[in-house]
């Protein structure tokens, strides 16, 4: 059985960290997006640190059309980047 690693932070009773993402409906009205869940997952990295990726994209300027930015962000949530994301 693997040894349990102890981290310098404690579990607590705080609510999960959430993000709210908006987009536009077919009428141009702002609406809450359901593409990505509100709860912001964390990943332990380094020695140790808890990393959370609130939002990112890989383009400058950012393309918001057809949720292109959210699809890029979704990929980074599945496979988190390093400290820098190289744009195109």
N, C-alpha and C. Protein backbone atom coordinates (compact mmCIF):
# COMPACT_ATOMS: atom_id res chain seq x y z
N UNK A 1 0.84 -1.18 0.00
CA UNK A 1 0.00 0.00 0.00
C UNK A 1 0.89 1.24 0.00
N UNK A 2 0.53 2.22 -0.84
CA UNK A 2 1.31 3.45 -0.94
C UNK A 2 1.20 4.28 0.33
N UNK A 3 2.28 4.96 0.67
CA UNK A 3 2.30 5.81 1.86
C UNK A 3 1.50 7.08 1.61
N UNK A 4 0.70 7.49 2.58
CA UNK A 4 -0.10 8.71 2.47
C UNK A 4 0.81 9.92 2.62
N UNK A 5 0.76 10.85 1.67
CA UNK A 5 1.58 12.05 1.71
C UNK A 5 0.86 13.12 2.51
N UNK A 6 1.56 13.77 3.42
CA UNK A 6 0.99 14.86 4.21
C UNK A 6 1.36 16.18 3.56
N UNK A 7 0.39 17.07 3.40
CA UNK A 7 0.63 18.37 2.78
C UNK A 7 0.56 19.45 3.85
N UNK A 8 1.21 20.61 3.59
CA UNK A 8 1.25 21.67 4.60
C UNK A 8 -0.09 22.36 4.82
N UNK A 9 -1.06 22.19 3.92
CA UNK A 9 -2.36 22.79 4.15
C UNK A 9 -3.31 21.76 4.75
N UNK A 10 -4.29 22.25 5.43
CA UNK A 10 -5.24 21.36 6.10
C UNK A 10 -6.54 21.30 5.30
N UNK A 11 -7.21 20.15 5.39
CA UNK A 11 -8.56 20.09 4.87
C UNK A 11 -9.39 21.05 5.71
N UNK A 12 -10.38 21.67 5.09
CA UNK A 12 -11.20 22.61 5.84
C UNK A 12 -12.66 22.50 5.41
N UNK A 13 -13.47 23.30 6.04
CA UNK A 13 -14.90 23.27 5.74
C UNK A 13 -15.31 24.41 4.81
N UNK A 14 -14.36 25.01 4.12
CA UNK A 14 -14.69 26.08 3.19
C UNK A 14 -15.42 25.51 1.98
N UNK A 15 -16.27 26.32 1.39
CA UNK A 15 -16.96 25.89 0.19
C UNK A 15 -15.94 25.70 -0.94
N UNK A 16 -16.26 24.86 -1.92
CA UNK A 16 -15.35 24.69 -3.06
C UNK A 16 -15.20 26.01 -3.82
N UNK A 17 -14.06 26.21 -4.44
CA UNK A 17 -13.83 27.39 -5.26
C UNK A 17 -14.58 27.20 -6.57
N UNK A 18 -15.32 28.22 -6.95
CA UNK A 18 -16.14 28.15 -8.17
C UNK A 18 -15.81 29.30 -9.10
N UNK A 19 -16.11 29.10 -10.36
CA UNK A 19 -15.97 30.16 -11.36
C UNK A 19 -17.31 30.26 -12.07
N UNK A 20 -17.62 31.44 -12.58
CA UNK A 20 -18.84 31.65 -13.33
C UNK A 20 -18.44 32.13 -14.72
N UNK A 21 -18.87 31.38 -15.73
CA UNK A 21 -18.52 31.71 -17.11
C UNK A 21 -19.79 32.11 -17.84
N UNK A 22 -19.71 33.20 -18.57
CA UNK A 22 -20.87 33.64 -19.35
C UNK A 22 -20.58 33.52 -20.84
N UNK A 23 -21.65 33.45 -21.59
CA UNK A 23 -21.58 33.44 -23.05
C UNK A 23 -22.83 34.15 -23.55
N UNK A 24 -23.10 34.10 -24.84
CA UNK A 24 -24.28 34.74 -25.39
C UNK A 24 -25.18 33.71 -26.06
N UNK A 25 -26.49 33.90 -25.91
CA UNK A 25 -27.41 33.00 -26.59
C UNK A 25 -27.63 33.49 -28.03
N UNK A 26 -28.51 32.83 -28.74
CA UNK A 26 -28.74 33.17 -30.16
C UNK A 26 -29.33 34.56 -30.36
N UNK A 27 -29.87 35.15 -29.28
CA UNK A 27 -30.40 36.51 -29.36
C UNK A 27 -29.39 37.56 -28.91
N UNK A 28 -28.17 37.14 -28.59
CA UNK A 28 -27.14 38.07 -28.15
C UNK A 28 -27.22 38.41 -26.67
N UNK A 29 -28.11 37.75 -25.94
CA UNK A 29 -28.26 38.00 -24.51
C UNK A 29 -27.21 37.22 -23.72
N UNK A 30 -26.63 37.87 -22.70
CA UNK A 30 -25.66 37.19 -21.82
C UNK A 30 -26.36 36.12 -21.00
N UNK A 31 -25.76 34.94 -20.98
CA UNK A 31 -26.30 33.81 -20.20
C UNK A 31 -25.15 33.09 -19.53
N UNK A 32 -25.46 32.35 -18.47
CA UNK A 32 -24.44 31.54 -17.83
C UNK A 32 -24.16 30.31 -18.69
N UNK A 33 -22.90 30.00 -18.87
CA UNK A 33 -22.50 28.85 -19.67
C UNK A 33 -22.60 27.57 -18.86
N UNK A 34 -23.03 26.50 -19.51
CA UNK A 34 -23.06 25.19 -18.87
C UNK A 34 -22.01 24.27 -19.48
N UNK A 35 -21.16 24.82 -20.33
CA UNK A 35 -20.13 24.03 -21.01
C UNK A 35 -19.11 23.45 -20.03
N UNK A 36 -18.72 24.25 -19.04
CA UNK A 36 -17.71 23.84 -18.06
C UNK A 36 -18.33 23.97 -16.67
N UNK A 37 -18.20 22.94 -15.82
CA UNK A 37 -18.78 23.01 -14.47
C UNK A 37 -18.24 24.19 -13.67
N UNK A 38 -19.06 24.71 -12.77
CA UNK A 38 -18.67 25.86 -11.96
C UNK A 38 -17.55 25.54 -10.97
N UNK A 39 -17.55 24.35 -10.39
CA UNK A 39 -16.53 24.03 -9.40
C UNK A 39 -15.16 23.96 -10.06
N UNK A 40 -14.20 24.65 -9.46
CA UNK A 40 -12.85 24.75 -10.01
C UNK A 40 -11.96 23.67 -9.38
N UNK A 41 -11.58 22.66 -10.17
CA UNK A 41 -10.76 21.59 -9.61
C UNK A 41 -9.34 22.06 -9.32
N UNK A 42 -8.70 21.39 -8.39
CA UNK A 42 -7.31 21.68 -8.06
C UNK A 42 -6.45 20.48 -8.37
N UNK A 43 -5.18 20.72 -8.63
CA UNK A 43 -4.25 19.64 -8.91
C UNK A 43 -2.97 19.90 -8.11
N UNK A 44 -2.51 18.88 -7.41
CA UNK A 44 -1.28 19.02 -6.63
C UNK A 44 -0.09 18.91 -7.56
N UNK A 45 0.78 19.92 -7.50
CA UNK A 45 1.99 19.94 -8.32
C UNK A 45 3.16 20.38 -7.46
N UNK A 46 4.35 20.18 -7.97
CA UNK A 46 5.52 20.69 -7.28
C UNK A 46 5.76 20.06 -5.94
N UNK A 47 6.17 20.89 -4.98
CA UNK A 47 6.70 20.37 -3.73
C UNK A 47 5.94 20.80 -2.49
N UNK A 48 4.79 20.50 -2.22
CA UNK A 48 3.62 20.41 -3.07
C UNK A 48 2.91 21.75 -3.11
N UNK A 49 2.19 22.00 -4.13
CA UNK A 49 1.37 23.19 -4.26
C UNK A 49 0.05 22.79 -4.88
N UNK A 50 -1.00 23.47 -4.53
CA UNK A 50 -2.31 23.20 -5.10
C UNK A 50 -2.55 24.24 -6.19
N UNK A 51 -2.64 23.78 -7.42
CA UNK A 51 -2.77 24.64 -8.60
C UNK A 51 -4.21 24.61 -9.08
N UNK A 52 -4.77 25.79 -9.35
CA UNK A 52 -6.10 25.90 -9.92
C UNK A 52 -6.02 26.80 -11.14
N UNK A 53 -6.61 26.36 -12.22
CA UNK A 53 -6.57 27.10 -13.48
C UNK A 53 -7.93 27.76 -13.68
N UNK A 54 -8.04 29.02 -13.29
CA UNK A 54 -9.32 29.73 -13.36
C UNK A 54 -9.79 30.01 -14.76
N UNK A 55 -8.87 30.27 -15.68
CA UNK A 55 -9.20 30.51 -17.08
C UNK A 55 -7.89 30.66 -17.84
N UNK A 56 -7.88 30.25 -19.07
CA UNK A 56 -6.73 30.49 -19.95
C UNK A 56 -7.16 30.30 -21.39
N UNK A 57 -6.35 30.79 -22.28
CA UNK A 57 -6.56 30.60 -23.70
C UNK A 57 -5.20 30.53 -24.37
N UNK A 58 -5.18 30.21 -25.64
CA UNK A 58 -3.90 30.07 -26.33
C UNK A 58 -3.79 31.01 -27.52
N UNK A 59 -4.60 32.07 -27.54
CA UNK A 59 -4.57 33.02 -28.64
C UNK A 59 -4.50 34.46 -28.15
N UNK A 60 -3.84 35.29 -28.93
CA UNK A 60 -3.82 36.72 -28.70
C UNK A 60 -4.03 37.38 -30.05
N UNK A 61 -5.10 38.12 -30.24
CA UNK A 61 -6.22 38.36 -29.33
C UNK A 61 -7.08 37.11 -29.19
N UNK A 62 -7.83 37.06 -28.12
CA UNK A 62 -8.68 35.91 -27.81
C UNK A 62 -9.89 35.89 -28.74
N UNK A 63 -10.20 34.73 -29.29
CA UNK A 63 -11.40 34.55 -30.11
C UNK A 63 -12.50 33.97 -29.23
N UNK A 64 -13.59 34.73 -29.08
CA UNK A 64 -14.72 34.30 -28.27
C UNK A 64 -15.82 33.67 -29.11
N UNK A 65 -15.69 33.73 -30.43
CA UNK A 65 -16.72 33.21 -31.34
C UNK A 65 -16.89 31.71 -31.17
N UNK A 66 -18.14 31.26 -31.14
CA UNK A 66 -18.47 29.84 -31.03
C UNK A 66 -17.80 29.15 -29.85
N UNK A 67 -17.58 29.91 -28.79
CA UNK A 67 -16.96 29.37 -27.56
C UNK A 67 -15.57 28.79 -27.81
N UNK A 68 -14.87 29.32 -28.80
CA UNK A 68 -13.52 28.82 -29.12
C UNK A 68 -12.60 28.92 -27.91
N UNK A 69 -12.69 30.01 -27.16
CA UNK A 69 -11.85 30.17 -25.97
C UNK A 69 -12.18 29.13 -24.91
N UNK A 70 -13.46 28.81 -24.74
CA UNK A 70 -13.85 27.83 -23.72
C UNK A 70 -13.40 26.42 -24.11
N UNK A 71 -13.41 26.12 -25.40
CA UNK A 71 -12.94 24.81 -25.83
C UNK A 71 -11.43 24.68 -25.60
N UNK A 72 -10.68 25.77 -25.81
CA UNK A 72 -9.23 25.76 -25.52
C UNK A 72 -9.01 25.59 -24.02
N UNK A 73 -9.80 26.32 -23.22
CA UNK A 73 -9.70 26.23 -21.75
C UNK A 73 -10.01 24.81 -21.27
N UNK A 74 -11.02 24.19 -21.88
CA UNK A 74 -11.39 22.82 -21.53
C UNK A 74 -10.22 21.85 -21.71
N UNK A 75 -9.49 22.02 -22.80
CA UNK A 75 -8.32 21.15 -23.05
C UNK A 75 -7.26 21.34 -21.97
N UNK A 76 -7.05 22.59 -21.55
CA UNK A 76 -6.05 22.86 -20.51
C UNK A 76 -6.51 22.35 -19.14
N UNK A 77 -7.80 22.29 -18.90
CA UNK A 77 -8.29 21.72 -17.64
C UNK A 77 -7.99 20.23 -17.57
N UNK A 78 -8.09 19.54 -18.72
CA UNK A 78 -7.82 18.10 -18.76
C UNK A 78 -6.33 17.81 -18.68
N UNK A 79 -5.52 18.68 -19.26
CA UNK A 79 -4.07 18.51 -19.28
C UNK A 79 -3.43 19.86 -18.95
N UNK A 80 -3.34 20.21 -17.64
CA UNK A 80 -2.89 21.54 -17.25
C UNK A 80 -1.51 21.91 -17.81
N UNK A 81 -1.38 23.18 -18.19
CA UNK A 81 -0.12 23.67 -18.75
C UNK A 81 0.90 23.93 -17.64
N UNK A 82 2.07 24.36 -18.05
CA UNK A 82 3.06 24.85 -17.10
C UNK A 82 2.70 26.27 -16.71
N UNK A 83 3.68 27.02 -16.33
CA UNK A 83 3.45 28.40 -15.91
C UNK A 83 3.09 29.30 -17.10
N UNK A 84 3.64 28.99 -18.26
CA UNK A 84 3.42 29.83 -19.46
C UNK A 84 2.69 29.02 -20.53
N UNK A 85 1.71 29.66 -21.15
CA UNK A 85 1.04 29.07 -22.30
C UNK A 85 1.47 29.87 -23.52
N UNK A 86 2.09 29.21 -24.46
CA UNK A 86 2.55 29.91 -25.66
C UNK A 86 1.37 30.15 -26.59
N UNK A 87 1.13 31.39 -26.99
CA UNK A 87 0.03 31.75 -27.89
C UNK A 87 0.44 31.59 -29.33
N UNK A 88 -0.53 31.80 -30.19
CA UNK A 88 -0.26 31.71 -31.63
C UNK A 88 -0.21 33.08 -32.24
